[in-house]
């Protein structure tokens, strides 16, 4: 036997054992009891979630002008989901749904027309303590869990450090980042961004209460009424709180909302936005290196690409799309550094990696003629619009080298809520049985053991208003979508509501459709051609089936406390996290440590 033939036999044998190993791994993944028994097969998990990123902003989804080689690497080495849907078109409810696997209306994390996200760190609303995040389940299954970056799901309930909504109360062992969200107020050079209608309402309530107190006081002094002094006092205190909230919105937002924390300790108040990215990246890499023996779960929740698009000097001017493109490319670089850390630590094959955005790009984010928001590709609409695809269709990339196929594309409807049961399954846990879980386990679809998504219907809410419903008709393969409500675009003919910050969910800014607008997303993903009974023979059958699904869905909803009510989102001084003595809240522990020669 020649040396060449021996060499060929050895190569064939190596390929055989490699294939056998892959088949064995797939078999173990498909057998849940065996997977639970083999702790060594629990993968490490790294989730990347961008903020306000449009699906058309990255290369693997069709962009050829912004460079995203590291995000594109995940698509090349893993699975790309083309119909990956956020449960809400704005931050707070979308992230609540992501972590709970449930439509945000089920947890009270969605609201009506105006207050659709948390407005202050010192509000009392947030992700309810009785909600079970998938992170809690992973923690119980032996995972070390960490969150780096944005939270925006609340902080305190009754006093300034009860931390009832804090990440550490929802399953995270480690937290470094913003308990709130990046906003223009966080950067000194930017104009204030705090919600204008909220500010006007605070001032209106202040005036009403002040007038009431003065009237009661005068009437009591001349003996026209016998109102207790205690009542007048409490009204005056309440009015003072409204006044402080209104006044604070003009000068103190940066100190109240723009803070950085490490676990439950404030490290910067106000935060230094220019160094946030480098500190977050350092903490993410450090978390991986500390926990490389696993299993670990790391959630990297980017501040990118939310306005004010804070970008480090190295990336300014590098893209062809101004500051927005620079910000996307910086985020891609951060993804690359973390992927390199996994690879250099021999963790790549033992780690499931996922990349998505919390919702679509913000069309109305502009400064003059300069676009500061993202691009949603061929899809109509954007951030804050729950019906049109541009507000809710997001990137979805999943890589697990050696287990999932490479370069696979899945066109089936999937949801950010699916991450919940998928990760619980991989960790060997079970989803809660005492509540509705709207997500579905993605592993059979990713592995190819099934060809169709488990989702038949998806419900697209704008606040508490149901705007649209998607029906995945499995026997035909069609994906229908019926719009009951759509925003009125201004100016007419545009794809956004440029006269206001966001498109509204109800009122004069929307149009109600009866019969609903119907689209076949399988043929018309851009939603350009609404169908009519004359064009589509199945029109009435499809609408009737969707309306029946809506009735069935609504019967599964139960009343819950509204976390985004006006009372819960208003600023409360007794809930304000403060580094120092309130109201003189200020600290920079990063600089202090560096000045003392200590590692932050």
Protein backbone atom coordinates (compact mmCIF):
# COMPACT_ATOMS: atom_id res chain seq x y z
CA UNK A 1 0.00 0.00 0.00
CA UNK A 2 1.42 3.37 -1.02
CA UNK A 3 1.87 6.30 1.32
CA UNK A 4 -0.53 8.29 -0.89
CA UNK A 5 -3.34 5.72 -0.47
CA UNK A 6 -2.77 5.60 3.31
CA UNK A 7 -3.00 9.37 3.40
CA UNK A 8 -6.28 9.32 1.39
CA UNK A 9 -7.71 6.67 3.72
CA UNK A 10 -6.85 8.78 6.75
CA UNK A 11 -8.52 11.83 5.22
CA UNK A 12 -11.67 9.80 4.48
CA UNK A 13 -11.68 8.45 8.02
CA UNK A 14 -11.35 11.97 9.43
CA UNK A 15 -14.32 13.15 7.32
CA UNK A 16 -16.34 10.15 8.50
CA UNK A 17 -15.75 10.85 12.19
CA UNK A 18 -16.39 14.56 11.66
CA UNK A 19 -19.73 13.79 10.01
CA UNK A 20 -20.54 11.20 12.66
CA UNK A 21 -19.83 13.75 15.37
CA UNK A 22 -22.17 16.26 13.75
CA UNK A 23 -24.94 13.69 13.39
CA UNK A 24 -24.47 12.67 17.02
CA UNK A 25 -24.73 16.29 18.14
CA UNK A 26 -27.87 16.79 16.07
CA UNK A 27 -29.41 13.63 17.47
CA UNK A 28 -28.70 14.73 21.04
CA UNK A 29 -30.21 18.15 20.37
CA UNK A 30 -33.40 16.58 19.05
CA UNK A 31 -33.72 14.33 22.10
CA UNK A 32 -34.63 16.70 24.94
CA UNK A 33 -34.19 14.23 27.88
CA UNK A 34 -30.69 13.32 26.69
CA UNK A 35 -29.87 17.01 26.21
CA UNK A 36 -30.96 17.74 29.77
CA UNK A 37 -28.79 14.94 31.09
CA UNK A 38 -25.67 16.10 29.25
CA UNK A 39 -24.70 19.36 30.98
CA UNK A 40 -21.61 19.55 28.79
CA UNK A 41 -23.86 19.99 25.76
CA UNK A 42 -25.48 23.14 27.12
CA UNK A 43 -24.16 25.83 24.80
CA UNK A 44 -22.86 29.17 25.90
CA UNK A 45 -25.20 31.86 24.57
CA UNK A 46 -24.38 35.36 23.29
CA UNK A 47 -27.26 37.58 22.17
CA UNK A 48 -26.69 40.88 20.34
CA UNK A 49 -29.63 43.29 20.20
CA UNK A 50 -29.26 46.55 18.29
CA UNK A 51 -31.40 49.60 19.08
CA UNK A 52 -33.44 51.11 16.20
CA UNK A 53 -31.45 49.29 13.48
CA UNK A 54 -33.25 48.97 10.14
CA UNK A 55 -33.26 45.59 8.41
CA UNK A 56 -31.83 47.27 5.31
CA UNK A 57 -28.79 48.64 7.16
CA UNK A 58 -26.59 45.53 7.07
CA UNK A 59 -24.90 43.78 4.18
CA UNK A 60 -26.42 40.31 4.47
CA UNK A 61 -29.89 41.85 4.09
CA UNK A 62 -29.01 43.74 0.94
CA UNK A 63 -27.07 46.85 1.96
CA UNK A 64 -24.00 47.36 -0.22
CA UNK A 65 -22.89 50.77 1.06
CA UNK A 66 -22.51 50.28 4.84
CA UNK A 67 -19.75 47.84 5.81
CA UNK A 68 -20.89 45.18 8.28
CA UNK A 69 -18.48 42.26 7.73
CA UNK A 70 -18.76 40.89 11.26
CA UNK A 71 -22.56 40.78 11.37
CA UNK A 72 -22.50 39.34 7.86
CA UNK A 73 -20.13 36.64 9.17
CA UNK A 74 -22.96 35.36 11.37
CA UNK A 75 -25.19 34.97 8.31
CA UNK A 76 -22.46 33.20 6.33
CA UNK A 77 -21.66 30.81 9.18
CA UNK A 78 -25.22 30.33 10.41
CA UNK A 79 -28.90 30.79 9.63
CA UNK A 80 -30.56 33.95 8.33
CA UNK A 81 -34.22 34.59 9.16
CA UNK A 82 -35.90 36.81 6.58
CA UNK A 83 -39.31 37.18 8.26
CA UNK A 84 -38.20 37.81 11.85
CA UNK A 85 -40.79 39.97 13.63
CA UNK A 86 -40.63 42.20 16.72
CA UNK A 87 -43.66 42.08 19.04
CA UNK A 88 -43.77 45.90 19.26
CA UNK A 89 -42.35 48.78 17.19
CA UNK A 90 -40.79 50.71 20.11
CA UNK A 91 -38.15 49.86 22.73
CA UNK A 92 -39.78 49.15 26.10
CA UNK A 93 -42.61 46.82 24.99
CA UNK A 94 -40.46 45.06 22.39
CA UNK A 95 -37.75 44.25 24.93
CA UNK A 96 -40.32 43.13 27.50
CA UNK A 97 -41.75 40.70 24.93
CA UNK A 98 -38.27 39.49 24.01
CA UNK A 99 -37.39 38.60 27.62
CA UNK A 100 -40.78 37.13 28.58
CA UNK A 101 -41.77 35.41 25.32
CA UNK A 102 -45.16 37.13 25.64
CA UNK A 103 -46.96 39.95 23.87
CA UNK A 104 -46.30 43.06 25.99
CA UNK A 105 -50.03 43.63 26.48
CA UNK A 106 -50.04 40.46 28.65
CA UNK A 107 -47.62 42.00 31.17
CA UNK A 108 -48.98 45.55 31.07
CA UNK A 109 -45.85 46.73 29.24
CA UNK A 110 -47.73 48.57 26.50
CA UNK A 111 -49.96 51.61 26.67
CA UNK A 112 -52.19 53.86 24.62
CA UNK A 113 -51.23 56.66 22.30
CA UNK A 114 -48.68 58.83 24.08
CA UNK A 115 -46.62 56.97 26.68
CA UNK A 116 -45.44 53.90 24.85
CA UNK A 117 -42.03 53.69 26.55
CA UNK A 118 -40.70 54.51 30.00
CA UNK A 119 -39.90 58.22 30.27
CA UNK A 120 -37.81 58.40 33.46
CA UNK A 121 -35.46 56.15 35.43
CA UNK A 122 -37.38 57.45 38.46
CA UNK A 123 -40.78 56.24 37.25
CA UNK A 124 -42.44 53.37 39.11
CA UNK A 125 -43.38 51.31 36.03
CA UNK A 126 -41.31 48.47 34.67
CA UNK A 127 -41.11 44.77 33.92
CA UNK A 128 -43.30 43.25 36.65
CA UNK A 129 -41.52 41.12 39.28
CA UNK A 130 -44.01 38.29 38.69
CA UNK A 131 -42.91 37.91 35.05
CA UNK A 132 -40.48 35.03 34.51
CA UNK A 133 -37.77 35.96 32.00
CA UNK A 134 -35.91 33.25 30.15
CA UNK A 135 -32.82 34.58 31.93
CA UNK A 136 -34.23 33.46 35.28
CA UNK A 137 -34.73 29.95 33.91
CA UNK A 138 -31.20 29.85 32.47
CA UNK A 139 -29.86 31.01 35.82
CA UNK A 140 -31.65 28.12 37.56
CA UNK A 141 -30.21 25.72 34.99
CA UNK A 142 -26.65 26.65 36.01
CA UNK A 143 -25.88 29.50 33.62
CA UNK A 144 -23.91 32.55 34.71
CA UNK A 145 -25.89 35.42 33.22
CA UNK A 146 -24.85 38.94 32.24
CA UNK A 147 -26.35 42.03 30.62
CA UNK A 148 -24.15 44.68 29.03
CA UNK A 149 -25.79 47.87 27.75
CA UNK A 150 -29.35 49.16 27.59
CA UNK A 151 -32.14 47.97 29.91
CA UNK A 152 -35.09 50.46 29.64
CA UNK A 153 -37.45 48.18 31.58
CA UNK A 154 -37.65 50.10 34.84
CA UNK A 155 -35.76 50.38 38.12
CA UNK A 156 -37.65 51.01 41.35
CA UNK A 157 -41.19 50.57 42.66
CA UNK A 158 -41.57 52.25 46.06
CA UNK A 159 -38.24 53.78 47.09
CA UNK A 160 -35.00 54.82 45.44
CA UNK A 161 -33.06 51.58 45.79
CA UNK A 162 -35.61 48.77 46.04
CA UNK A 163 -34.50 47.73 42.50
CA UNK A 164 -37.75 45.80 41.94
CA UNK A 165 -37.46 46.11 38.12
CA UNK A 166 -33.65 45.98 38.01
CA UNK A 167 -31.90 43.41 35.78
CA UNK A 168 -30.52 41.65 38.87
CA UNK A 169 -34.12 40.95 39.92
CA UNK A 170 -34.92 39.37 36.55
CA UNK A 171 -32.26 36.69 36.40
CA UNK A 172 -29.04 38.53 35.59
CA UNK A 173 -26.01 37.83 37.79
CA UNK A 174 -24.14 40.80 36.34
CA UNK A 175 -25.20 44.12 34.84
CA UNK A 176 -23.15 46.93 33.36
CA UNK A 177 -24.84 49.65 31.36
CA UNK A 178 -27.73 52.11 31.18
CA UNK A 179 -30.84 51.38 33.22
CA UNK A 180 -32.61 53.79 30.86
CA UNK A 181 -31.95 54.52 27.17
CA UNK A 182 -29.70 56.78 25.15
CA UNK A 183 -31.38 60.07 24.25
CA UNK A 184 -30.37 63.51 23.01
CA UNK A 185 -30.45 64.89 26.55
CA UNK A 186 -27.49 62.61 27.39
CA UNK A 187 -25.20 64.58 25.09
CA UNK A 188 -24.54 68.21 26.03
CA UNK A 189 -24.36 69.36 22.40
CA UNK A 190 -27.84 68.01 21.52
CA UNK A 191 -31.25 69.66 22.03
CA UNK A 192 -33.61 68.21 24.65
CA UNK A 193 -35.60 65.19 23.56
CA UNK A 194 -37.94 64.46 26.49
CA UNK A 195 -41.48 63.90 25.31
CA UNK A 196 -43.11 67.26 24.54
CA UNK A 197 -46.70 66.16 25.26
CA UNK A 198 -45.60 64.80 28.63
CA UNK A 199 -43.94 68.10 29.51
CA UNK A 200 -47.08 70.03 28.52
CA UNK A 201 -49.29 67.71 30.57
CA UNK A 202 -47.06 68.08 33.64
CA UNK A 203 -47.31 71.87 33.40
CA UNK A 204 -51.07 71.70 32.88
CA UNK A 205 -51.54 69.51 35.98
CA UNK A 206 -49.27 71.80 37.97
CA UNK A 207 -51.43 74.81 37.11
CA UNK A 208 -54.69 72.99 37.88
CA UNK A 209 -53.49 71.77 41.28
CA UNK A 210 -51.99 75.16 42.17
CA UNK A 211 -55.27 76.88 41.32
CA UNK A 212 -57.21 74.31 43.35
CA UNK A 213 -54.94 74.73 46.39
CA UNK A 214 -55.18 78.54 46.27
CA UNK A 215 -58.97 78.42 45.90
CA UNK A 216 -59.37 75.99 48.83
CA UNK A 217 -56.96 78.02 50.94
CA UNK A 218 -58.87 81.27 50.31
CA UNK A 219 -62.24 79.58 50.89
CA UNK A 220 -61.04 78.09 54.16
CA UNK A 221 -59.61 81.37 55.43
CA UNK A 222 -62.95 83.15 54.89
CA UNK A 223 -64.83 80.12 56.32
CA UNK A 224 -66.67 79.15 53.13
CA UNK A 225 -65.52 75.51 53.35
CA UNK A 226 -64.30 73.24 56.11
CA UNK A 227 -61.60 71.31 54.21
CA UNK A 228 -58.99 69.82 56.58
CA UNK A 229 -55.57 71.46 56.49
CA UNK A 230 -54.12 68.01 55.84
CA UNK A 231 -56.00 67.76 52.54
CA UNK A 232 -54.73 71.16 51.38
CA UNK A 233 -51.21 70.22 52.43
CA UNK A 234 -51.24 66.94 50.48
CA UNK A 235 -52.64 68.67 47.40
CA UNK A 236 -49.88 71.27 47.65
CA UNK A 237 -47.23 68.55 47.93
CA UNK A 238 -48.69 66.73 44.94
CA UNK A 239 -48.70 69.95 42.90
CA UNK A 240 -45.11 70.59 43.91
CA UNK A 241 -44.13 67.14 42.59
CA UNK A 242 -45.73 67.91 39.24
CA UNK A 243 -43.91 71.25 39.17
CA UNK A 244 -40.56 69.59 39.96
CA UNK A 245 -41.16 66.99 37.25
CA UNK A 246 -41.93 69.72 34.72
CA UNK A 247 -39.00 71.88 35.80
CA UNK A 248 -36.60 68.93 35.82
CA UNK A 249 -37.47 68.12 32.22
CA UNK A 250 -35.74 71.33 31.17
CA UNK A 251 -32.50 71.14 33.04
CA UNK A 252 -31.88 67.90 34.88
CA UNK A 253 -32.77 65.05 32.52
CA UNK A 254 -29.10 64.40 31.86
CA UNK A 255 -28.50 63.92 35.60
CA UNK A 256 -31.70 61.99 36.27
CA UNK A 257 -31.88 59.60 33.29
CA UNK A 258 -28.41 59.37 31.74
CA UNK A 259 -26.57 57.22 34.24
CA UNK A 260 -24.38 54.12 34.06
CA UNK A 261 -24.49 51.32 36.59
CA UNK A 262 -22.43 48.27 37.51
CA UNK A 263 -24.76 45.78 39.14
CA UNK A 264 -26.76 47.97 41.58
CA UNK A 265 -24.10 50.69 41.96
CA UNK A 266 -24.11 53.94 39.99
CA UNK A 267 -20.71 54.42 38.34
CA UNK A 268 -21.39 57.61 36.33
CA UNK A 269 -23.98 60.31 36.91
CA UNK A 270 -24.31 61.80 34.38
CA UNK A 271 -22.71 59.29 32.04
CA UNK A 272 -19.86 60.24 29.73
CA UNK A 273 -21.42 59.16 26.45
CA UNK A 274 -18.15 59.33 24.51
CA UNK A 275 -16.62 56.46 26.47
CA UNK A 276 -19.72 54.26 26.96
CA UNK A 277 -19.00 52.01 23.96
CA UNK A 278 -15.41 51.21 24.94
CA UNK A 279 -16.41 50.48 28.54
CA UNK A 280 -19.28 48.24 27.43
CA UNK A 281 -17.00 46.35 25.06
CA UNK A 282 -14.41 45.87 27.76
CA UNK A 283 -17.02 44.54 30.18
CA UNK A 284 -18.44 42.15 27.56
CA UNK A 285 -15.02 40.69 26.77
CA UNK A 286 -14.18 40.46 30.47
CA UNK A 287 -17.45 38.63 31.19
CA UNK A 288 -16.68 36.01 28.52
CA UNK A 289 -13.11 35.52 29.75
CA UNK A 290 -14.24 35.19 33.39
CA UNK A 291 -16.86 32.61 32.53
CA UNK A 292 -15.23 30.74 29.64
CA UNK A 293 -15.63 27.39 31.39
CA UNK A 294 -19.39 28.01 31.13
CA UNK A 295 -22.13 27.64 30.65
CA UNK A 296 -22.66 31.39 30.37
CA UNK A 297 -25.32 33.66 28.90
CA UNK A 298 -24.35 37.14 27.73
CA UNK A 299 -26.88 39.69 26.47
CA UNK A 300 -25.15 42.57 24.66
CA UNK A 301 -27.84 45.24 24.36
CA UNK A 302 -26.28 47.97 22.24
CA UNK A 303 -26.82 51.70 22.68
CA UNK A 304 -26.20 51.84 18.91
CA UNK A 305 -27.88 53.02 16.70
CA UNK A 306 -30.28 55.14 18.74
CA UNK A 307 -29.98 58.90 18.41
CA UNK A 308 -27.92 60.91 19.25
CA UNK A 309 -25.67 58.37 17.43
CA UNK A 310 -22.73 58.70 19.80
CA UNK A 311 -19.73 57.49 17.79
CA UNK A 312 -16.06 57.37 18.76
CA UNK A 313 -13.54 59.44 16.85
CA UNK A 314 -12.02 56.42 15.07
CA UNK A 315 -15.27 55.82 13.17
CA UNK A 316 -16.36 59.39 12.43
CA UNK A 317 -16.49 59.94 8.67
CA UNK A 318 -15.73 56.34 7.73
CA UNK A 319 -19.03 55.41 6.10
CA UNK A 320 -20.89 56.67 3.04
CA UNK A 321 -23.99 57.45 5.12
CA UNK A 322 -22.85 60.15 7.51
CA UNK A 323 -23.08 59.76 11.25
CA UNK A 324 -25.71 57.03 11.06
CA UNK A 325 -23.54 54.83 8.85
CA UNK A 326 -20.53 55.53 11.07
CA UNK A 327 -22.52 54.38 14.09
CA UNK A 328 -23.61 51.14 12.37
CA UNK A 329 -20.02 50.37 11.36
CA UNK A 330 -18.79 50.98 14.91
CA UNK A 331 -21.40 48.56 16.24
CA UNK A 332 -20.30 45.97 13.68
CA UNK A 333 -16.71 46.40 14.86
CA UNK A 334 -17.83 45.77 18.45
CA UNK A 335 -19.62 42.60 17.32
CA UNK A 336 -16.39 41.52 15.63
CA UNK A 337 -14.31 42.04 18.77
CA UNK A 338 -16.69 39.88 20.79
CA UNK A 339 -16.79 37.16 18.09
CA UNK A 340 -12.98 37.18 18.03
CA UNK A 341 -12.94 36.75 21.81
CA UNK A 342 -15.11 33.64 21.44
CA UNK A 343 -12.89 32.26 18.70
CA UNK A 344 -9.62 33.00 20.50
CA UNK A 345 -10.96 31.29 23.61
CA UNK A 346 -11.96 28.17 21.63
CA UNK A 347 -15.59 28.95 22.44
CA UNK A 348 -16.97 29.41 18.93
CA UNK A 349 -18.22 25.83 18.50
CA UNK A 350 -19.66 25.79 22.01
CA UNK A 351 -21.58 29.06 21.69
CA UNK A 352 -24.93 29.89 20.13
CA UNK A 353 -24.77 33.46 18.83
CA UNK A 354 -27.80 35.54 17.84
CA UNK A 355 -28.14 39.02 16.34
CA UNK A 356 -31.31 41.10 15.95
CA UNK A 357 -32.75 44.61 16.37
CA UNK A 358 -35.49 45.54 18.83
CA UNK A 359 -37.61 47.01 15.97
CA UNK A 360 -37.28 48.90 12.69
CA UNK A 361 -35.33 52.02 11.86
CA UNK A 362 -36.60 55.47 12.88
CA UNK A 363 -37.67 57.24 9.70
CA UNK A 364 -38.57 60.54 11.39
CA UNK A 365 -35.16 60.94 13.07
CA UNK A 366 -33.72 63.85 11.12
CA UNK A 367 -31.68 66.97 11.57
CA UNK A 368 -32.63 69.31 8.77
CA UNK A 369 -32.24 67.29 5.60
CA UNK A 370 -29.85 64.80 7.23
CA UNK A 371 -31.33 61.37 7.95
CA UNK A 372 -30.36 60.17 11.45
CA UNK A 373 -32.51 57.04 11.45
CA UNK A 374 -32.16 53.72 9.70
CA UNK A 375 -33.24 52.23 6.40
CA UNK A 376 -35.84 49.46 6.38
CA UNK A 377 -35.04 48.12 2.94
CA UNK A 378 -38.01 47.30 0.72
CA UNK A 379 -40.42 47.41 3.67
CA UNK A 380 -42.92 50.23 4.22
CA UNK A 381 -42.93 52.25 7.45
CA UNK A 382 -40.59 52.23 10.44
CA UNK A 383 -40.20 52.64 14.18
CA UNK A 384 -43.46 53.17 16.15
CA UNK A 385 -45.55 51.62 13.32
CA UNK A 386 -46.75 48.19 14.36
CA UNK A 387 -48.63 47.27 11.21
CA UNK A 388 -46.30 48.09 8.33
CA UNK A 389 -43.38 45.70 7.95
CA UNK A 390 -40.72 48.40 8.24
CA UNK A 391 -41.51 48.92 11.93
CA UNK A 392 -41.41 45.27 12.98
CA UNK A 393 -39.42 43.16 10.48
CA UNK A 394 -35.86 42.96 11.80
CA UNK A 395 -32.62 41.08 11.16
CA UNK A 396 -32.46 37.62 12.70
CA UNK A 397 -29.15 35.71 12.56
CA UNK A 398 -28.38 32.53 14.49
CA UNK A 399 -24.98 30.77 14.49
CA UNK A 400 -23.91 27.60 16.28
CA UNK A 401 -20.91 26.23 14.44
CA UNK A 402 -20.97 22.45 13.97
CA UNK A 403 -24.63 22.20 14.94
CA UNK A 404 -26.64 24.57 12.75
CA UNK A 405 -26.19 24.60 8.97
CA UNK A 406 -24.09 27.35 7.41
CA UNK A 407 -25.50 29.87 4.97
CA UNK A 408 -29.08 28.67 5.39
CA UNK A 409 -31.95 31.11 4.71
CA UNK A 410 -35.37 30.63 6.31
CA UNK A 411 -38.32 32.61 4.94
CA UNK A 412 -40.86 31.39 7.49
CA UNK A 413 -42.49 33.81 10.01
CA UNK A 414 -40.54 33.88 13.27
CA UNK A 415 -40.56 36.21 16.27
CA UNK A 416 -38.13 37.76 18.74
CA UNK A 417 -40.38 36.10 21.33
CA UNK A 418 -39.18 32.71 19.98
CA UNK A 419 -35.81 33.20 21.66
CA UNK A 420 -37.50 32.50 25.02
CA UNK A 421 -38.60 28.87 24.47
CA UNK A 422 -35.58 28.17 22.24
CA UNK A 423 -33.03 29.04 24.93
CA UNK A 424 -35.07 27.41 27.70
CA UNK A 425 -35.09 24.21 25.61
CA UNK A 426 -31.33 24.32 25.04
CA UNK A 427 -30.70 24.92 28.75
CA UNK A 428 -32.75 21.85 29.66
CA UNK A 429 -35.48 23.87 31.39
CA UNK A 430 -39.22 24.10 30.87
CA UNK A 431 -41.30 27.14 30.02
CA UNK A 432 -43.81 28.32 32.67
CA UNK A 433 -47.10 26.44 32.54
CA UNK A 434 -49.14 29.02 34.46
CA UNK A 435 -49.23 31.64 31.68
CA UNK A 436 -49.45 32.01 27.92
CA UNK A 437 -46.08 31.91 26.17
CA UNK A 438 -46.41 33.31 22.65
CA UNK A 439 -42.94 32.35 21.41
CA UNK A 440 -42.14 29.02 19.73
CA UNK A 441 -39.01 26.85 19.93
CA UNK A 442 -36.91 27.62 16.83
CA UNK A 443 -34.54 24.64 17.01
CA UNK A 444 -36.53 22.23 14.78
CA UNK A 445 -36.85 24.94 12.13
CA UNK A 446 -33.18 25.96 12.38
CA UNK A 447 -32.00 22.35 12.18
CA UNK A 448 -34.30 21.56 9.25
CA UNK A 449 -36.25 18.78 10.97
CA UNK A 450 -39.41 20.80 10.14
CA UNK A 451 -39.92 23.07 7.17
CA UNK A 452 -42.64 25.37 8.50
CA UNK A 453 -42.79 27.75 11.44
CA UNK A 454 -45.06 26.90 14.37
CA UNK A 455 -46.62 30.37 14.11
CA UNK A 456 -50.00 30.45 12.42
CA UNK A 457 -51.07 33.94 13.54
CA UNK A 458 -49.07 36.95 14.72
CA UNK A 459 -50.73 40.00 16.26
CA UNK A 460 -49.21 43.40 15.63
CA UNK A 461 -50.02 45.90 18.38
CA UNK A 462 -49.39 49.63 18.44
CA UNK A 463 -49.62 50.35 22.15
CA UNK A 464 -52.81 48.59 23.28
CA UNK A 465 -54.39 48.92 19.82
CA UNK A 466 -54.33 45.95 17.45
CA UNK A 467 -53.24 47.37 14.09
CA UNK A 468 -52.64 44.27 11.99
CA UNK A 469 -52.65 40.47 11.97
CA UNK A 470 -50.44 38.07 10.00
CA UNK A 471 -51.80 34.65 8.98
CA UNK A 472 -49.37 31.96 7.89
CA UNK A 473 -51.66 29.69 5.86
CA UNK A 474 -49.60 26.54 6.06
CA UNK A 475 -51.47 24.41 3.52
CA UNK A 476 -50.84 26.94 0.77
CA UNK A 477 -47.68 28.64 2.05
CA UNK A 478 -49.26 32.10 1.74
CA UNK A 479 -48.59 34.74 4.40
CA UNK A 480 -51.55 37.11 4.54
CA UNK A 481 -51.64 40.34 6.50
CA UNK A 482 -54.76 42.32 7.33
CA UNK A 483 -54.42 45.95 8.46
CA UNK A 484 -57.28 47.18 10.66
CA UNK A 485 -55.57 50.52 11.46
CA UNK A 486 -52.76 52.38 9.68
CA UNK A 487 -51.02 55.68 10.50
CA UNK A 488 -51.73 58.70 8.35
CA UNK A 489 -48.40 59.60 6.80
CA UNK A 490 -47.47 63.29 6.74
CA UNK A 491 -46.77 64.71 4.28
CA UNK A 492 -49.05 62.63 2.08
CA UNK A 493 -47.13 60.24 -0.12
CA UNK A 494 -44.28 59.80 2.35
CA UNK A 495 -43.61 56.68 4.42
CA UNK A 496 -43.41 58.43 7.78
CA UNK A 497 -45.05 60.96 10.08
CA UNK A 498 -42.44 63.70 9.72
CA UNK A 499 -44.56 66.40 11.33
CA UNK A 500 -44.34 64.56 14.66
CA UNK A 501 -41.66 62.51 16.39
CA UNK A 502 -43.51 59.21 15.97
CA UNK A 503 -46.61 58.02 14.16
CA UNK A 504 -49.52 57.71 16.62
CA UNK A 505 -51.50 54.55 17.43
CA UNK A 506 -54.99 56.07 17.59
CA UNK A 507 -56.97 59.27 17.23
CA UNK A 508 -56.92 61.60 14.26
CA UNK A 509 -53.49 60.41 13.19
CA UNK A 510 -54.71 56.98 12.08
CA UNK A 511 -57.14 55.52 9.55
CA UNK A 512 -59.51 52.65 10.42
CA UNK A 513 -60.14 50.17 7.61
CA UNK A 514 -63.41 48.28 7.16
CA UNK A 515 -62.94 45.94 5.46
CA UNK A 516 -59.27 45.67 6.46
CA UNK A 517 -56.48 46.27 3.97
CA UNK A 518 -55.28 42.83 2.88
CA UNK A 519 -51.84 41.96 1.49
CA UNK A 520 -50.24 38.70 0.43
CA UNK A 521 -46.74 39.10 1.87
CA UNK A 522 -45.61 36.02 -0.04
CA UNK A 523 -46.04 37.96 -3.28
CA UNK A 524 -45.97 41.56 -2.07
CA UNK A 525 -43.60 41.94 0.92
CA UNK A 526 -43.42 45.72 0.34
CA UNK A 527 -47.20 45.99 0.90
CA UNK A 528 -47.66 48.12 -2.19
CA UNK A 529 -50.79 46.50 -3.60
CA UNK A 530 -53.77 46.00 -1.26
CA UNK A 531 -55.99 43.18 -2.48
CA UNK A 532 -59.71 43.51 -3.16
CA UNK A 533 -62.48 40.92 -3.50
CA UNK A 534 -62.33 41.39 -7.28
CA UNK A 535 -58.58 40.69 -7.37
CA UNK A 536 -58.44 37.91 -4.78
CA UNK A 537 -61.14 35.17 -4.75
CA UNK A 538 -60.17 34.18 -1.20
CA UNK A 539 -60.49 37.74 0.16
CA UNK A 540 -63.59 37.21 2.33
CA UNK A 541 -62.47 33.77 3.50
CA UNK A 542 -59.09 35.13 4.61
CA UNK A 543 -60.60 38.13 6.41
CA UNK A 544 -63.16 35.94 8.17
CA UNK A 545 -60.47 33.53 9.36
CA UNK A 546 -58.27 36.35 10.63
CA UNK A 547 -61.17 37.97 12.49
CA UNK A 548 -61.93 34.63 14.15
CA UNK A 549 -58.29 34.38 15.24
CA UNK A 550 -58.50 37.89 16.73
CA UNK A 551 -61.54 36.86 18.80
CA UNK A 552 -59.73 33.73 20.02
CA UNK A 553 -56.61 35.74 20.87
CA UNK A 554 -58.53 38.36 22.85
CA UNK A 555 -60.11 35.64 24.97
CA UNK A 556 -56.60 34.73 26.17
CA UNK A 557 -55.93 38.26 27.50
CA UNK A 558 -56.45 39.04 31.16
CA UNK A 559 -56.44 42.47 32.88
CA UNK A 560 -53.09 43.41 34.43
CA UNK A 561 -51.69 46.61 36.01
CA UNK A 562 -50.65 49.11 33.35
CA UNK A 563 -46.94 49.71 33.82
CA UNK A 564 -46.90 52.65 31.39
CA UNK A 565 -49.82 54.57 32.88
CA UNK A 566 -49.23 58.28 33.41
CA UNK A 567 -48.71 57.78 37.15
CA UNK A 568 -46.17 54.99 36.57
CA UNK A 569 -44.13 56.86 33.97
CA UNK A 570 -44.01 60.26 35.72
CA UNK A 571 -40.84 61.31 37.56
CA UNK A 572 -40.92 60.64 41.32
CA UNK A 573 -38.09 62.18 43.33
CA UNK A 574 -38.24 59.46 46.00
CA UNK A 575 -37.45 56.86 43.29
CA UNK A 576 -34.53 58.75 41.77
CA UNK A 577 -31.28 56.75 41.78
CA UNK A 578 -28.66 59.14 43.08
CA UNK A 579 -24.90 58.96 43.42
CA UNK A 580 -24.37 61.42 46.25
CA UNK A 581 -26.92 63.41 48.24
CA UNK A 582 -30.17 64.15 46.44
CA UNK A 583 -30.65 66.43 44.56
CA UNK A 584 -26.88 66.91 44.11
CA UNK A 585 -26.42 63.65 42.23
CA UNK A 586 -23.00 63.39 40.64
CA UNK A 587 -20.14 60.88 40.44
CA UNK A 588 -17.52 59.50 38.08
CA UNK A 589 -16.22 56.32 39.66
CA UNK A 590 -14.54 55.25 36.44
CA UNK A 591 -12.27 58.30 36.55
CA UNK A 592 -11.76 57.93 40.31
CA UNK A 593 -10.58 54.35 39.89
CA UNK A 594 -8.29 55.23 37.00
CA UNK A 595 -6.83 58.18 38.93
CA UNK A 596 -6.13 55.83 41.85
CA UNK A 597 -4.43 53.33 39.55
CA UNK A 598 -7.23 50.78 39.96
CA UNK A 599 -8.89 48.66 37.29
CA UNK A 600 -12.51 49.69 36.70
